[in-house]
């Protein structure tokens, strides 16, 4: 679902148009319903740690739905940090996943340092 949302955002950005206002609401609603099903399933069949991917999915959808770049970066930072924790807890032998999420965390932190902190300092100095 996140990939579909990214594709829709890409298409509308390329056309220099805003996506319909209800589109993020639709994806958020679908994700909440999907999450509710996962939460129910994890309470019955699996471990509570299985709620981490559900949280990551929600953070991703919200992150690509917000307009401010800093908010998007912060949602992606939380998303990737949770994935790192999940990879360490559940899949310690899945080194490729762990390395991917660590690279994403570092990339987001670099983006915040490079773009958001100087913009905030410039905003405060005026």
PDB file of N, CA and C in Angstrom:
ATOM      1  N   UNK A   1       0.817  -1.174   0.000  1.00  0.00           N
ATOM      2  CA  UNK A   1       0.000   0.000   0.000  1.00  0.00           C
ATOM      3  C   UNK A   1       0.873   1.254   0.000  1.00  0.00           C
ATOM      4  N   UNK A   2       1.962   1.207   0.735  1.00  0.00           N
ATOM      5  CA  UNK A   2       2.882   2.341   0.740  1.00  0.00           C
ATOM      6  C   UNK A   2       3.490   2.581  -0.637  1.00  0.00           C
ATOM      7  N   UNK A   3       3.788   1.502  -1.361  1.00  0.00           N
ATOM      8  CA  UNK A   3       4.346   1.645  -2.707  1.00  0.00           C
ATOM      9  C   UNK A   3       3.335   2.290  -3.646  1.00  0.00           C
ATOM     10  N   UNK A   4       2.072   1.933  -3.514  1.00  0.00           N
ATOM     11  CA  UNK A   4       1.029   2.539  -4.345  1.00  0.00           C
ATOM     12  C   UNK A   4       0.907   4.021  -4.024  1.00  0.00           C
ATOM     13  N   UNK A   5       0.950   4.377  -2.740  1.00  0.00           N
ATOM     14  CA  UNK A   5       0.868   5.785  -2.346  1.00  0.00           C
ATOM     15  C   UNK A   5       2.059   6.571  -2.887  1.00  0.00           C
ATOM     16  N   UNK A   6       3.239   5.980  -2.827  1.00  0.00           N
ATOM     17  CA  UNK A   6       4.431   6.654  -3.371  1.00  0.00           C
ATOM     18  C   UNK A   6       4.287   6.858  -4.877  1.00  0.00           C
ATOM     19  N   UNK A   7       3.786   5.862  -5.579  1.00  0.00           N
ATOM     20  CA  UNK A   7       3.596   5.976  -7.027  1.00  0.00           C
ATOM     21  C   UNK A   7       2.585   7.075  -7.357  1.00  0.00           C
ATOM     22  N   UNK A   8       1.488   7.117  -6.621  1.00  0.00           N
ATOM     23  CA  UNK A   8       0.485   8.167  -6.846  1.00  0.00           C
ATOM     24  C   UNK A   8       1.089   9.539  -6.580  1.00  0.00           C
ATOM     25  N   UNK A   9       1.829   9.683  -5.487  1.00  0.00           N
ATOM     26  CA  UNK A   9       2.479  10.966  -5.191  1.00  0.00           C
ATOM     27  C   UNK A   9       3.465  11.349  -6.289  1.00  0.00           C
ATOM     28  N   UNK A  10       4.207  10.385  -6.801  1.00  0.00           N
ATOM     29  CA  UNK A  10       5.168  10.650  -7.869  1.00  0.00           C
ATOM     30  C   UNK A  10       4.452  11.137  -9.128  1.00  0.00           C
ATOM     31  N   UNK A  11       3.364  10.471  -9.501  1.00  0.00           N
ATOM     32  CA  UNK A  11       2.628  10.850 -10.705  1.00  0.00           C
ATOM     33  C   UNK A  11       2.068  12.264 -10.570  1.00  0.00           C
ATOM     34  N   UNK A  12       1.462  12.578  -9.431  1.00  0.00           N
ATOM     35  CA  UNK A  12       0.901  13.912  -9.249  1.00  0.00           C
ATOM     36  C   UNK A  12       1.994  14.972  -9.163  1.00  0.00           C
ATOM     37  N   UNK A  13       3.129  14.654  -8.551  1.00  0.00           N
ATOM     38  CA  UNK A  13       4.232  15.601  -8.480  1.00  0.00           C
ATOM     39  C   UNK A  13       4.797  15.871  -9.862  1.00  0.00           C
ATOM     40  N   UNK A  14       4.923  14.826 -10.671  1.00  0.00           N
ATOM     41  CA  UNK A  14       5.439  14.986 -12.021  1.00  0.00           C
ATOM     42  C   UNK A  14       4.507  15.854 -12.867  1.00  0.00           C
ATOM     43  N   UNK A  15       3.214  15.731 -12.652  1.00  0.00           N
ATOM     44  CA  UNK A  15       2.232  16.546 -13.376  1.00  0.00           C
ATOM     45  C   UNK A  15       2.050  17.932 -12.747  1.00  0.00           C
ATOM     46  N   UNK A  16       2.745  18.166 -11.619  1.00  0.00           N
ATOM     47  CA  UNK A  16       2.660  19.419 -10.867  1.00  0.00           C
ATOM     48  C   UNK A  16       1.235  19.715 -10.421  1.00  0.00           C
ATOM     49  N   UNK A  17       0.561  18.674  -9.961  1.00  0.00           N
ATOM     50  CA  UNK A  17      -0.789  18.788  -9.423  1.00  0.00           C
ATOM     51  C   UNK A  17      -0.811  18.181  -8.031  1.00  0.00           C
ATOM     52  N   UNK A  18      -1.762  18.632  -7.225  1.00  0.00           N
ATOM     53  CA  UNK A  18      -1.943  18.051  -5.904  1.00  0.00           C
ATOM     54  C   UNK A  18      -2.860  16.842  -6.004  1.00  0.00           C
ATOM     55  N   UNK A  19      -2.556  15.773  -5.272  1.00  0.00           N
ATOM     56  CA  UNK A  19      -3.462  14.625  -5.278  1.00  0.00           C
ATOM     57  C   UNK A  19      -4.789  15.003  -4.611  1.00  0.00           C
ATOM     58  N   UNK A  20      -5.843  14.264  -4.885  1.00  0.00           N
ATOM     59  CA  UNK A  20      -7.132  14.558  -4.237  1.00  0.00           C
ATOM     60  C   UNK A  20      -6.995  14.531  -2.718  1.00  0.00           C
ATOM     61  N   UNK A  21      -7.735  15.405  -2.056  1.00  0.00           N
ATOM     62  CA  UNK A  21      -7.641  15.533  -0.592  1.00  0.00           C
ATOM     63  C   UNK A  21      -8.042  14.253   0.139  1.00  0.00           C
ATOM     64  N   UNK A  22      -8.945  13.492  -0.426  1.00  0.00           N
ATOM     65  CA  UNK A  22      -9.429  12.283   0.248  1.00  0.00           C
ATOM     66  C   UNK A  22      -8.507  11.082   0.063  1.00  0.00           C
ATOM     67  N   UNK A  23      -7.543  11.190  -0.840  1.00  0.00           N
ATOM     68  CA  UNK A  23      -6.665  10.055  -1.103  1.00  0.00           C
ATOM     69  C   UNK A  23      -5.857   9.640   0.125  1.00  0.00           C
ATOM     70  N   UNK A  24      -5.176  10.574   0.819  1.00  0.00           N
ATOM     71  CA  UNK A  24      -4.463  10.146   2.030  1.00  0.00           C
ATOM     72  C   UNK A  24      -5.407   9.583   3.095  1.00  0.00           C
ATOM     73  N   UNK A  25      -6.603  10.128   3.185  1.00  0.00           N
ATOM     74  CA  UNK A  25      -7.581   9.605   4.156  1.00  0.00           C
ATOM     75  C   UNK A  25      -7.961   8.173   3.817  1.00  0.00           C
ATOM     76  N   UNK A  26      -8.132   7.896   2.523  1.00  0.00           N
ATOM     77  CA  UNK A  26      -8.463   6.540   2.090  1.00  0.00           C
ATOM     78  C   UNK A  26      -7.347   5.568   2.468  1.00  0.00           C
ATOM     79  N   UNK A  27      -6.090   5.942   2.175  1.00  0.00           N
ATOM     80  CA  UNK A  27      -4.975   5.053   2.489  1.00  0.00           C
ATOM     81  C   UNK A  27      -4.812   4.884   3.994  1.00  0.00           C
ATOM     82  N   UNK A  28      -5.035   5.946   4.740  1.00  0.00           N
ATOM     83  CA  UNK A  28      -4.933   5.849   6.189  1.00  0.00           C
ATOM     84  C   UNK A  28      -6.020   4.931   6.738  1.00  0.00           C
ATOM     85  N   UNK A  29      -7.241   5.061   6.236  1.00  0.00           N
ATOM     86  CA  UNK A  29      -8.326   4.191   6.662  1.00  0.00           C
ATOM     87  C   UNK A  29      -8.032   2.731   6.323  1.00  0.00           C
ATOM     88  N   UNK A  30      -7.552   2.478   5.104  1.00  0.00           N
ATOM     89  CA  UNK A  30      -7.215   1.109   4.712  1.00  0.00           C
ATOM     90  C   UNK A  30      -6.093   0.555   5.599  1.00  0.00           C
ATOM     91  N   UNK A  31      -5.124   1.398   5.919  1.00  0.00           N
ATOM     92  CA  UNK A  31      -4.021   0.955   6.767  1.00  0.00           C
ATOM     93  C   UNK A  31      -4.494   0.681   8.189  1.00  0.00           C
ATOM     94  N   UNK A  32      -5.409   1.500   8.692  1.00  0.00           N
ATOM     95  CA  UNK A  32      -5.941   1.274  10.034  1.00  0.00           C
ATOM     96  C   UNK A  32      -6.711  -0.046  10.084  1.00  0.00           C
ATOM     97  N   UNK A  33      -7.519  -0.305   9.061  1.00  0.00           N
ATOM     98  CA  UNK A  33      -8.250  -1.582   9.010  1.00  0.00           C
ATOM     99  C   UNK A  33      -7.295  -2.763   8.916  1.00  0.00           C
ATOM    100  N   UNK A  34      -6.266  -2.619   8.092  1.00  0.00           N
ATOM    101  CA  UNK A  34      -5.252  -3.659   7.966  1.00  0.00           C
ATOM    102  C   UNK A  34      -4.523  -3.850   9.296  1.00  0.00           C
ATOM    103  N   UNK A  35      -4.216  -2.746   9.956  1.00  0.00           N
ATOM    104  CA  UNK A  35      -3.527  -2.816  11.245  1.00  0.00           C
ATOM    105  C   UNK A  35      -4.399  -3.488  12.299  1.00  0.00           C
ATOM    106  N   UNK A  36      -5.684  -3.162  12.290  1.00  0.00           N
ATOM    107  CA  UNK A  36      -6.588  -3.791  13.258  1.00  0.00           C
ATOM    108  C   UNK A  36      -6.610  -5.305  13.067  1.00  0.00           C
ATOM    109  N   UNK A  37      -6.607  -5.744  11.818  1.00  0.00           N
ATOM    110  CA  UNK A  37      -6.572  -7.185  11.551  1.00  0.00           C
ATOM    111  C   UNK A  37      -5.271  -7.801  12.054  1.00  0.00           C
ATOM    112  N   UNK A  38      -4.146  -7.100  11.848  1.00  0.00           N
ATOM    113  CA  UNK A  38      -2.856  -7.605  12.330  1.00  0.00           C
ATOM    114  C   UNK A  38      -2.799  -7.620  13.854  1.00  0.00           C
ATOM    115  N   UNK A  39      -3.335  -6.586  14.476  1.00  0.00           N
ATOM    116  CA  UNK A  39      -3.332  -6.535  15.947  1.00  0.00           C
ATOM    117  C   UNK A  39      -4.152  -7.705  16.498  1.00  0.00           C
ATOM    118  N   UNK A  40      -5.323  -7.926  15.925  1.00  0.00           N
ATOM    119  CA  UNK A  40      -6.159  -9.041  16.363  1.00  0.00           C
ATOM    120  C   UNK A  40      -5.429 -10.364  16.175  1.00  0.00           C
ATOM    121  N   UNK A  41      -4.811 -10.543  15.025  1.00  0.00           N
ATOM    122  CA  UNK A  41      -4.090 -11.788  14.747  1.00  0.00           C
ATOM    123  C   UNK A  41      -2.905 -11.960  15.685  1.00  0.00           C
ATOM    124  N   UNK A  42      -2.176 -10.877  15.978  1.00  0.00           N
ATOM    125  CA  UNK A  42      -0.998 -11.011  16.843  1.00  0.00           C
ATOM    126  C   UNK A  42      -1.394 -11.306  18.282  1.00  0.00           C
ATOM    127  N   UNK A  43      -2.570 -10.836  18.700  1.00  0.00           N
ATOM    128  CA  UNK A  43      -3.013 -11.136  20.069  1.00  0.00           C
ATOM    129  C   UNK A  43      -3.411 -12.595  20.203  1.00  0.00           C
ATOM    130  N   UNK A  44      -3.845 -13.190  19.122  1.00  0.00           N
ATOM    131  CA  UNK A  44      -4.308 -14.574  19.191  1.00  0.00           C
ATOM    132  C   UNK A  44      -3.196 -15.564  18.855  1.00  0.00           C
ATOM    133  N   UNK A  45      -2.443 -15.297  17.784  1.00  0.00           N
ATOM    134  CA  UNK A  45      -1.551 -16.310  17.254  1.00  0.00           C
ATOM    135  C   UNK A  45      -0.060 -16.061  17.493  1.00  0.00           C
ATOM    136  N   UNK A  46       0.364 -14.819  17.537  1.00  0.00           N
ATOM    137  CA  UNK A  46       1.796 -14.524  17.562  1.00  0.00           C
ATOM    138  C   UNK A  46       2.174 -13.720  18.800  1.00  0.00           C
ATOM    139  N   UNK A  47       3.349 -13.129  18.730  1.00  0.00           N
ATOM    140  CA  UNK A  47       3.876 -12.367  19.847  1.00  0.00           C
ATOM    141  C   UNK A  47       3.554 -10.883  19.682  1.00  0.00           C
ATOM    142  N   UNK A  48       3.498 -10.124  20.774  1.00  0.00           N
ATOM    143  CA  UNK A  48       3.227  -8.683  20.676  1.00  0.00           C
ATOM    144  C   UNK A  48       4.268  -7.914  19.846  1.00  0.00           C
ATOM    145  N   UNK A  49       5.452  -8.495  19.672  1.00  0.00           N
ATOM    146  CA  UNK A  49       6.476  -7.821  18.863  1.00  0.00           C
ATOM    147  C   UNK A  49       6.015  -7.681  17.416  1.00  0.00           C
ATOM    148  N   UNK A  50       5.030  -8.458  17.024  1.00  0.00           N
ATOM    149  CA  UNK A  50       4.497  -8.358  15.664  1.00  0.00           C
ATOM    150  C   UNK A  50       3.718  -7.070  15.442  1.00  0.00           C
ATOM    151  N   UNK A  51       3.476  -6.312  16.487  1.00  0.00           N
ATOM    152  CA  UNK A  51       2.822  -5.012  16.322  1.00  0.00           C
ATOM    153  C   UNK A  51       3.781  -3.961  15.768  1.00  0.00           C
ATOM    154  N   UNK A  52       5.083  -4.209  15.836  1.00  0.00           N
ATOM    155  CA  UNK A  52       6.059  -3.241  15.324  1.00  0.00           C
ATOM    156  C   UNK A  52       5.897  -3.036  13.820  1.00  0.00           C
ATOM    157  N   UNK A  53       5.788  -4.071  12.989  1.00  0.00           N
ATOM    158  CA  UNK A  53       5.579  -3.810  11.562  1.00  0.00           C
ATOM    159  C   UNK A  53       4.287  -3.053  11.265  1.00  0.00           C
ATOM    160  N   UNK A  54       3.253  -3.288  12.065  1.00  0.00           N
ATOM    161  CA  UNK A  54       2.004  -2.549  11.888  1.00  0.00           C
ATOM    162  C   UNK A  54       2.243  -1.066  12.172  1.00  0.00           C
ATOM    163  N   UNK A  55       2.965  -0.786  13.253  1.00  0.00           N
ATOM    164  CA  UNK A  55       3.295   0.602  13.582  1.00  0.00           C
ATOM    165  C   UNK A  55       4.143   1.237  12.494  1.00  0.00           C
ATOM    166  N   UNK A  56       5.088   0.473  11.971  1.00  0.00           N
ATOM    167  CA  UNK A  56       5.942   0.992  10.896  1.00  0.00           C
ATOM    168  C   UNK A  56       5.126   1.318   9.652  1.00  0.00           C
ATOM    169  N   UNK A  57       4.175   0.475   9.352  1.00  0.00           N
ATOM    170  CA  UNK A  57       3.323   0.716   8.196  1.00  0.00           C
ATOM    171  C   UNK A  57       2.507   1.991   8.372  1.00  0.00           C
ATOM    172  N   UNK A  58       1.946   2.182   9.545  1.00  0.00           N
ATOM    173  CA  UNK A  58       1.189   3.404   9.818  1.00  0.00           C
ATOM    174  C   UNK A  58       2.083   4.636   9.747  1.00  0.00           C
ATOM    175  N   UNK A  59       3.264   4.565  10.331  1.00  0.00           N
ATOM    176  CA  UNK A  59       4.190   5.702  10.289  1.00  0.00           C
ATOM    177  C   UNK A  59       4.576   6.044   8.860  1.00  0.00           C
ATOM    178  N   UNK A  60       4.769   5.020   8.027  1.00  0.00           N
ATOM    179  CA  UNK A  60       5.146   5.264   6.634  1.00  0.00           C
ATOM    180  C   UNK A  60       4.029   5.974   5.878  1.00  0.00           C
ATOM    181  N   UNK A  61       2.804   5.483   6.034  1.00  0.00           N
ATOM    182  CA  UNK A  61       1.678   6.096   5.317  1.00  0.00           C
ATOM    183  C   UNK A  61       1.465   7.528   5.788  1.00  0.00           C
ATOM    184  N   UNK A  62       1.544   7.758   7.085  1.00  0.00           N
ATOM    185  CA  UNK A  62       1.397   9.124   7.579  1.00  0.00           C
ATOM    186  C   UNK A  62       2.557   9.987   7.090  1.00  0.00           C
ATOM    187  N   UNK A  63       3.765   9.425   7.080  1.00  0.00           N
ATOM    188  CA  UNK A  63       4.948  10.175   6.648  1.00  0.00           C
ATOM    189  C   UNK A  63       4.872  10.630   5.208  1.00  0.00           C
ATOM    190  N   UNK A  64       4.324   9.811   4.322  1.00  0.00           N
ATOM    191  CA  UNK A  64       4.238  10.231   2.928  1.00  0.00           C
ATOM    192  C   UNK A  64       3.015  11.086   2.673  1.00  0.00           C
ATOM    193  N   UNK A  65       2.151  11.227   3.677  1.00  0.00           N
ATOM    194  CA  UNK A  65       0.949  12.037   3.518  1.00  0.00           C
ATOM    195  C   UNK A  65       1.123  13.473   3.998  1.00  0.00           C
ATOM    196  N   UNK A  66       2.119  13.717   4.847  1.00  0.00           N
ATOM    197  CA  UNK A  66       2.305  15.081   5.363  1.00  0.00           C
ATOM    198  C   UNK A  66       3.007  15.945   4.328  1.00  0.00           C
ATOM    199  N   UNK A  67       2.850  17.261   4.461  1.00  0.00           N
ATOM    200  CA  UNK A  67       3.385  18.180   3.459  1.00  0.00           C
ATOM    201  C   UNK A  67       4.781  18.701   3.796  1.00  0.00           C
ATOM    202  N   UNK A  68       5.080  18.883   5.074  1.00  0.00           N
ATOM    203  CA  UNK A  68       6.375  19.457   5.457  1.00  0.00           C
ATOM    204  C   UNK A  68       7.464  18.393   5.415  1.00  0.00           C
ATOM    205  N   UNK A  69       8.597  18.798   4.860  1.00  0.00           N
ATOM    206  CA  UNK A  69       9.711  17.857   4.698  1.00  0.00           C
ATOM    207  C   UNK A  69      10.239  17.372   6.042  1.00  0.00           C
ATOM    208  N   UNK A  70      10.315  18.262   7.024  1.00  0.00           N
ATOM    209  CA  UNK A  70      10.810  17.853   8.337  1.00  0.00           C
ATOM    210  C   UNK A  70       9.899  16.810   8.960  1.00  0.00           C
ATOM    211  N   UNK A  71       8.592  17.001   8.856  1.00  0.00           N
ATOM    212  CA  UNK A  71       7.655  16.020   9.411  1.00  0.00           C
ATOM    213  C   UNK A  71       7.813  14.677   8.715  1.00  0.00           C
ATOM    214  N   UNK A  72       7.974  14.710   7.391  1.00  0.00           N
ATOM    215  CA  UNK A  72       8.189  13.463   6.648  1.00  0.00           C
ATOM    216  C   UNK A  72       9.451  12.771   7.138  1.00  0.00           C
ATOM    217  N   UNK A  73      10.527  13.541   7.292  1.00  0.00           N
ATOM    218  CA  UNK A  73      11.790  12.945   7.758  1.00  0.00           C
ATOM    219  C   UNK A  73      11.648  12.359   9.154  1.00  0.00           C
ATOM    220  N   UNK A  74      10.930  13.046  10.033  1.00  0.00           N
ATOM    221  CA  UNK A  74      10.770  12.535  11.398  1.00  0.00           C
ATOM    222  C   UNK A  74       9.931  11.258  11.423  1.00  0.00           C
ATOM    223  N   UNK A  75       8.883  11.200  10.602  1.00  0.00           N
ATOM    224  CA  UNK A  75       8.104   9.961  10.519  1.00  0.00           C
ATOM    225  C   UNK A  75       8.958   8.823   9.961  1.00  0.00           C
ATOM    226  N   UNK A  76       9.759   9.113   8.929  1.00  0.00           N
ATOM    227  CA  UNK A  76      10.626   8.081   8.358  1.00  0.00           C
ATOM    228  C   UNK A  76      11.709   7.659   9.340  1.00  0.00           C
ATOM    229  N   UNK A  77      12.196   8.609  10.144  1.00  0.00           N
ATOM    230  CA  UNK A  77      13.200   8.274  11.157  1.00  0.00           C
ATOM    231  C   UNK A  77      12.600   7.321  12.189  1.00  0.00           C
ATOM    232  N   UNK A  78      11.404   7.631  12.666  1.00  0.00           N
ATOM    233  CA  UNK A  78      10.742   6.743  13.633  1.00  0.00           C
ATOM    234  C   UNK A  78      10.460   5.377  13.004  1.00  0.00           C
ATOM    235  N   UNK A  79      10.003   5.396  11.753  1.00  0.00           N
ATOM    236  CA  UNK A  79       9.723   4.156  11.034  1.00  0.00           C
ATOM    237  C   UNK A  79      10.974   3.286  10.956  1.00  0.00           C
ATOM    238  N   UNK A  80      12.063   3.854  10.483  1.00  0.00           N
ATOM    239  CA  UNK A  80      13.295   3.077  10.305  1.00  0.00           C
ATOM    240  C   UNK A  80      13.903   2.646  11.631  1.00  0.00           C
ATOM    241  N   UNK A  81      13.794   3.500  12.640  1.00  0.00           N
ATOM    242  CA  UNK A  81      14.313   3.118  13.960  1.00  0.00           C
ATOM    243  C   UNK A  81      13.537   1.923  14.524  1.00  0.00           C
ATOM    244  N   UNK A  82      12.229   1.922  14.315  1.00  0.00           N
ATOM    245  CA  UNK A  82      11.434   0.768  14.758  1.00  0.00           C
ATOM    246  C   UNK A  82      11.800  -0.487  13.972  1.00  0.00           C
ATOM    247  N   UNK A  83      12.066  -0.326  12.664  1.00  0.00           N
ATOM    248  CA  UNK A  83      12.482  -1.490  11.871  1.00  0.00           C
ATOM    249  C   UNK A  83      13.821  -2.037  12.360  1.00  0.00           C
ATOM    250  N   UNK A  84      14.740  -1.143  12.734  1.00  0.00           N
ATOM    251  CA  UNK A  84      16.035  -1.596  13.268  1.00  0.00           C
ATOM    252  C   UNK A  84      15.809  -2.403  14.544  1.00  0.00           C
ATOM    253  N   UNK A  85      14.961  -1.881  15.431  1.00  0.00           N
ATOM    254  CA  UNK A  85      14.664  -2.612  16.673  1.00  0.00           C
ATOM    255  C   UNK A  85      14.016  -3.969  16.370  1.00  0.00           C
ATOM    256  N   UNK A  86      13.098  -3.981  15.422  1.00  0.00           N
ATOM    257  CA  UNK A  86      12.425  -5.230  15.038  1.00  0.00           C
ATOM    258  C   UNK A  86      13.424  -6.231  14.455  1.00  0.00           C
ATOM    259  N   UNK A  87      14.301  -5.740  13.572  1.00  0.00           N
ATOM    260  CA  UNK A  87      15.313  -6.627  12.984  1.00  0.00           C
ATOM    261  C   UNK A  87      16.212  -7.227  14.049  1.00  0.00           C
ATOM    262  N   UNK A  88      16.568  -6.436  15.038  1.00  0.00           N
ATOM    263  CA  UNK A  88      17.434  -6.937  16.112  1.00  0.00           C
ATOM    264  C   UNK A  88      16.704  -7.948  17.004  1.00  0.00           C
ATOM    265  N   UNK A  89      15.413  -7.715  17.249  1.00  0.00           N
ATOM    266  CA  UNK A  89      14.664  -8.602  18.151  1.00  0.00           C
ATOM    267  C   UNK A  89      14.232  -9.894  17.479  1.00  0.00           C
ATOM    268  N   UNK A  90      13.787  -9.811  16.247  1.00  0.00           N
ATOM    269  CA  UNK A  90      13.135 -10.957  15.621  1.00  0.00           C
ATOM    270  C   UNK A  90      14.028 -11.680  14.629  1.00  0.00           C
ATOM    271  N   UNK A  91      14.762 -10.928  13.859  1.00  0.00           N
ATOM    272  CA  UNK A  91      15.543 -11.525  12.777  1.00  0.00           C
ATOM    273  C   UNK A  91      17.031 -11.173  12.917  1.00  0.00           C
ATOM    274  N   UNK A  92      17.687 -11.679  13.945  1.00  0.00           N
ATOM    275  CA  UNK A  92      19.096 -11.301  14.111  1.00  0.00           C
ATOM    276  C   UNK A  92      19.991 -11.802  12.981  1.00  0.00           C
ATOM    277  N   UNK A  93      19.539 -12.789  12.225  1.00  0.00           N
ATOM    278  CA  UNK A  93      20.371 -13.269  11.120  1.00  0.00           C
ATOM    279  C   UNK A  93      20.056 -12.551   9.808  1.00  0.00           C
ATOM    280  N   UNK A  94      19.041 -11.689   9.821  1.00  0.00           N
ATOM    281  CA  UNK A  94      18.665 -10.944   8.609  1.00  0.00           C
ATOM    282  C   UNK A  94      19.498  -9.671   8.523  1.00  0.00           C
ATOM    283  N   UNK A  95      20.766  -9.849   8.249  1.00  0.00           N
ATOM    284  CA  UNK A  95      21.695  -8.716   8.240  1.00  0.00           C
ATOM    285  C   UNK A  95      21.388  -7.717   7.130  1.00  0.00           C
ATOM    286  N   UNK A  96      20.891  -8.188   5.996  1.00  0.00           N
ATOM    287  CA  UNK A  96      20.593  -7.268   4.889  1.00  0.00           C
ATOM    288  C   UNK A  96      19.490  -6.293   5.278  1.00  0.00           C
ATOM    289  N   UNK A  97      18.441  -6.776   5.913  1.00  0.00           N
ATOM    290  CA  UNK A  97      17.374  -5.887   6.369  1.00  0.00           C
ATOM    291  C   UNK A  97      17.891  -4.886   7.380  1.00  0.00           C
ATOM    292  N   UNK A  98      18.666  -5.373   8.326  1.00  0.00           N
ATOM    293  CA  UNK A  98      19.207  -4.494   9.357  1.00  0.00           C
ATOM    294  C   UNK A  98      20.094  -3.419   8.747  1.00  0.00           C
ATOM    295  N   UNK A  99      20.958  -3.805   7.831  1.00  0.00           N
ATOM    296  CA  UNK A  99      21.852  -2.823   7.202  1.00  0.00           C
ATOM    297  C   UNK A  99      21.053  -1.799   6.386  1.00  0.00           C
ATOM    298  N   UNK A 100      20.021  -2.255   5.690  1.00  0.00           N
ATOM    299  CA  UNK A 100      19.179  -1.338   4.916  1.00  0.00           C
ATOM    300  C   UNK A 100      18.535  -0.306   5.821  1.00  0.00           C
ATOM    301  N   UNK A 101      17.974  -0.740   6.929  1.00  0.00           N
ATOM    302  CA  UNK A 101      17.292   0.190   7.827  1.00  0.00           C
ATOM    303  C   UNK A 101      18.273   1.125   8.527  1.00  0.00           C
ATOM    304  N   UNK A 102      19.471   0.643   8.820  1.00  0.00           N
ATOM    305  CA  UNK A 102      20.485   1.523   9.413  1.00  0.00           C
ATOM    306  C   UNK A 102      20.892   2.602   8.415  1.00  0.00           C
ATOM    307  N   UNK A 103      21.043   2.239   7.144  1.00  0.00           N
ATOM    308  CA  UNK A 103      21.383   3.224   6.111  1.00  0.00           C
ATOM    309  C   UNK A 103      20.266   4.258   5.973  1.00  0.00           C
ATOM    310  N   UNK A 104      19.013   3.823   6.043  1.00  0.00           N
ATOM    311  CA  UNK A 104      17.895   4.767   5.957  1.00  0.00           C
ATOM    312  C   UNK A 104      17.900   5.710   7.154  1.00  0.00           C
ATOM    313  N   UNK A 105      18.142   5.188   8.359  1.00  0.00           N
ATOM    314  CA  UNK A 105      18.217   6.043   9.551  1.00  0.00           C
ATOM    315  C   UNK A 105      19.316   7.083   9.374  1.00  0.00           C
ATOM    316  N   UNK A 106      20.490   6.648   8.948  1.00  0.00           N
ATOM    317  CA  UNK A 106      21.601   7.590   8.747  1.00  0.00           C
ATOM    318  C   UNK A 106      21.265   8.624   7.677  1.00  0.00           C
ATOM    319  N   UNK A 107      20.631   8.192   6.605  1.00  0.00           N
ATOM    320  CA  UNK A 107      20.255   9.104   5.533  1.00  0.00           C
ATOM    321  C   UNK A 107      19.274  10.171   6.018  1.00  0.00           C
ATOM    322  N   UNK A 108      18.295   9.753   6.798  1.00  0.00           N
ATOM    323  CA  UNK A 108      17.318  10.708   7.319  1.00  0.00           C
ATOM    324  C   UNK A 108      17.982  11.677   8.289  1.00  0.00           C
ATOM    325  N   UNK A 109      18.855  11.178   9.143  1.00  0.00           N
ATOM    326  CA  UNK A 109      19.564  12.052  10.088  1.00  0.00           C
ATOM    327  C   UNK A 109      20.422  13.059   9.329  1.00  0.00           C
ATOM    328  N   UNK A 110      21.110  12.612   8.287  1.00  0.00           N
ATOM    329  CA  UNK A 110      21.916  13.526   7.465  1.00  0.00           C
ATOM    330  C   UNK A 110      21.021  14.571   6.802  1.00  0.00           C
ATOM    331  N   UNK A 111      19.850  14.155   6.314  1.00  0.00           N
ATOM    332  CA  UNK A 111      18.915  15.096   5.715  1.00  0.00           C
ATOM    333  C   UNK A 111      18.442  16.148   6.700  1.00  0.00           C
ATOM    334  N   UNK A 112      18.163  15.738   7.925  1.00  0.00           N
ATOM    335  CA  UNK A 112      17.742  16.687   8.960  1.00  0.00           C
ATOM    336  C   UNK A 112      18.868  17.659   9.274  1.00  0.00           C
ATOM    337  N   UNK A 113      20.086  17.126   9.423  1.00  0.00           N
ATOM    338  CA  UNK A 113      21.233  17.987   9.729  1.00  0.00           C
ATOM    339  C   UNK A 113      21.526  18.932   8.570  1.00  0.00           C
ATOM    340  N   UNK A 114      21.434  18.425   7.367  1.00  0.00           N
ATOM    341  CA  UNK A 114      21.821  19.212   6.194  1.00  0.00           C
ATOM    342  C   UNK A 114      20.775  20.256   5.797  1.00  0.00           C
ATOM    343  N   UNK A 115      19.504  19.924   5.910  1.00  0.00           N
ATOM    344  CA  UNK A 115      18.469  20.817   5.405  1.00  0.00           C
ATOM    345  C   UNK A 115      17.642  21.488   6.491  1.00  0.00           C
ATOM    346  N   UNK A 116      17.208  20.741   7.483  1.00  0.00           N
ATOM    347  CA  UNK A 116      16.245  21.275   8.429  1.00  0.00           C
ATOM    348  C   UNK A 116      16.871  22.133   9.521  1.00  0.00           C
ATOM    349  N   UNK A 117      18.024  21.726  10.024  1.00  0.00           N
ATOM    350  CA  UNK A 117      18.668  22.519  11.074  1.00  0.00           C
ATOM    351  C   UNK A 117      19.110  23.882  10.536  1.00  0.00           C
ATOM    352  N   UNK A 118      19.793  23.962   9.363  1.00  0.00           N
ATOM    353  CA  UNK A 118      20.134  25.293   8.844  1.00  0.00           C
ATOM    354  C   UNK A 118      18.906  26.151   8.527  1.00  0.00           C
ATOM    355  N   UNK A 119      17.839  25.533   8.017  1.00  0.00           N
ATOM    356  CA  UNK A 119      16.615  26.297   7.732  1.00  0.00           C
ATOM    357  C   UNK A 119      16.018  26.842   9.010  1.00  0.00           C
ATOM    358  N   UNK A 120      16.038  26.058  10.045  1.00  0.00           N
ATOM    359  CA  UNK A 120      15.504  26.506  11.355  1.00  0.00           C
ATOM    360  C   UNK A 120      16.355  27.618  11.931  1.00  0.00           C
ATOM    361  N   UNK A 121      17.684  27.503  11.832  1.00  0.00           N
ATOM    362  CA  UNK A 121      18.579  28.551  12.322  1.00  0.00           C
ATOM    363  C   UNK A 121      18.397  29.835  11.534  1.00  0.00           C
ATOM    364  N   UNK A 122      18.217  29.718  10.223  1.00  0.00           N
ATOM    365  CA  UNK A 122      17.992  30.888   9.390  1.00  0.00           C
ATOM    366  C   UNK A 122      16.663  31.545   9.745  1.00  0.00           C
ATOM    367  N   UNK A 123      15.665  30.727  10.014  1.00  0.00           N
ATOM    368  CA  UNK A 123      14.343  31.234  10.393  1.00  0.00           C
ATOM    369  C   UNK A 123      14.395  31.981  11.724  1.00  0.00           C
ATOM    370  N   UNK A 124      15.179  31.464  12.668  1.00  0.00           N
ATOM    371  CA  UNK A 124      15.294  32.093  13.978  1.00  0.00           C
ATOM    372  C   UNK A 124      16.123  33.380  13.944  1.00  0.00           C
ATOM    373  N   UNK A 125      17.053  33.469  13.002  1.00  0.00           N
ATOM    374  CA  UNK A 125      17.916  34.655  12.953  1.00  0.00           C
ATOM    375  C   UNK A 125      17.213  35.855  12.320  1.00  0.00           C
ATOM    376  N   UNK A 126      16.118  35.616  11.615  1.00  0.00           N
ATOM    377  CA  UNK A 126      15.394  36.725  10.985  1.00  0.00           C
ATOM    378  C   UNK A 126      14.361  37.297  11.858  1.00  0.00           C
TER     379      UNK A 126
END
